[in-house]
């Protein structure tokens, strides 16, 4: 839950277009990894909670997965 509202169970990160061309493999890996890490950091710091049995608890790193 984020601010009392259900959170999306799946988030897709889309890389922005590169000005004047396309990202090469190494650039896209670095950019995707940094955006993913930032998104997880924001979730962990943002006060998001998850259901755990009959109660809610703050989200923890173990609740996140990267596919």
Protein backbone atom coordinates (compact mmCIF):
# COMPACT_ATOMS: atom_id res chain seq x y z
CA UNK A 1 0.00 0.00 0.00
CA UNK A 2 1.16 3.49 -0.80
CA UNK A 3 -0.60 6.25 1.14
CA UNK A 4 -3.43 3.81 1.92
CA UNK A 5 -4.03 2.85 -1.72
CA UNK A 6 -3.11 -0.51 -3.31
CA UNK A 7 0.27 -0.46 -5.07
CA UNK A 8 0.89 -1.96 -8.49
CA UNK A 9 2.21 -5.54 -8.15
CA UNK A 10 4.40 -5.09 -11.25
CA UNK A 11 6.29 -2.04 -12.46
CA UNK A 12 7.91 -1.82 -15.90
CA UNK A 13 10.83 0.55 -16.31
CA UNK A 14 11.16 2.00 -19.82
CA UNK A 15 14.43 3.60 -20.86
CA UNK A 16 14.18 7.07 -22.37
CA UNK A 17 15.23 7.63 -25.94
CA UNK A 18 18.82 8.70 -26.38
CA UNK A 19 19.25 12.05 -28.07
CA UNK A 20 20.75 11.51 -31.49
CA UNK A 21 20.71 7.72 -31.57
CA UNK A 22 20.28 4.49 -29.71
CA UNK A 23 21.75 3.21 -26.46
CA UNK A 24 24.48 0.64 -26.97
CA UNK A 25 24.45 -2.58 -24.95
CA UNK A 26 26.77 -1.35 -22.19
CA UNK A 27 24.98 1.99 -21.83
CA UNK A 28 21.57 0.32 -21.66
CA UNK A 29 22.73 -2.14 -18.98
CA UNK A 30 24.12 0.67 -16.80
CA UNK A 31 21.04 2.84 -17.29
CA UNK A 32 18.57 0.00 -16.63
CA UNK A 33 20.45 -1.15 -13.51
CA UNK A 34 20.65 2.36 -12.06
CA UNK A 35 16.94 3.06 -12.72
CA UNK A 36 15.98 -0.28 -11.15
CA UNK A 37 18.13 0.35 -8.07
CA UNK A 38 16.68 3.86 -7.71
CA UNK A 39 13.11 2.54 -7.96
CA UNK A 40 13.75 -0.09 -5.27
CA UNK A 41 15.47 2.49 -3.05
CA UNK A 42 12.47 4.80 -3.41
CA UNK A 43 10.07 1.98 -2.50
CA UNK A 44 12.05 1.07 0.60
CA UNK A 45 12.33 4.70 1.74
CA UNK A 46 8.83 5.75 0.75
CA UNK A 47 6.78 4.22 3.56
CA UNK A 48 5.18 1.53 1.39
CA UNK A 49 3.59 -1.35 3.30
CA UNK A 50 2.56 -4.86 2.36
CA UNK A 51 0.11 -7.34 3.78
CA UNK A 52 1.69 -9.95 6.03
CA UNK A 53 -1.00 -12.29 7.33
CA UNK A 54 -3.69 -10.16 8.93
CA UNK A 55 -1.47 -7.11 9.37
CA UNK A 56 0.52 -4.68 7.24
CA UNK A 57 4.24 -4.11 7.65
CA UNK A 58 6.80 -1.86 5.95
CA UNK A 59 8.17 -3.26 2.72
CA UNK A 60 11.65 -4.78 2.99
CA UNK A 61 14.35 -5.54 0.43
CA UNK A 62 13.33 -9.23 0.49
CA UNK A 63 9.90 -8.20 -0.86
CA UNK A 64 11.41 -6.87 -4.12
CA UNK A 65 12.31 -8.89 -7.22
CA UNK A 66 13.97 -7.93 -10.49
CA UNK A 67 12.96 -9.87 -13.57
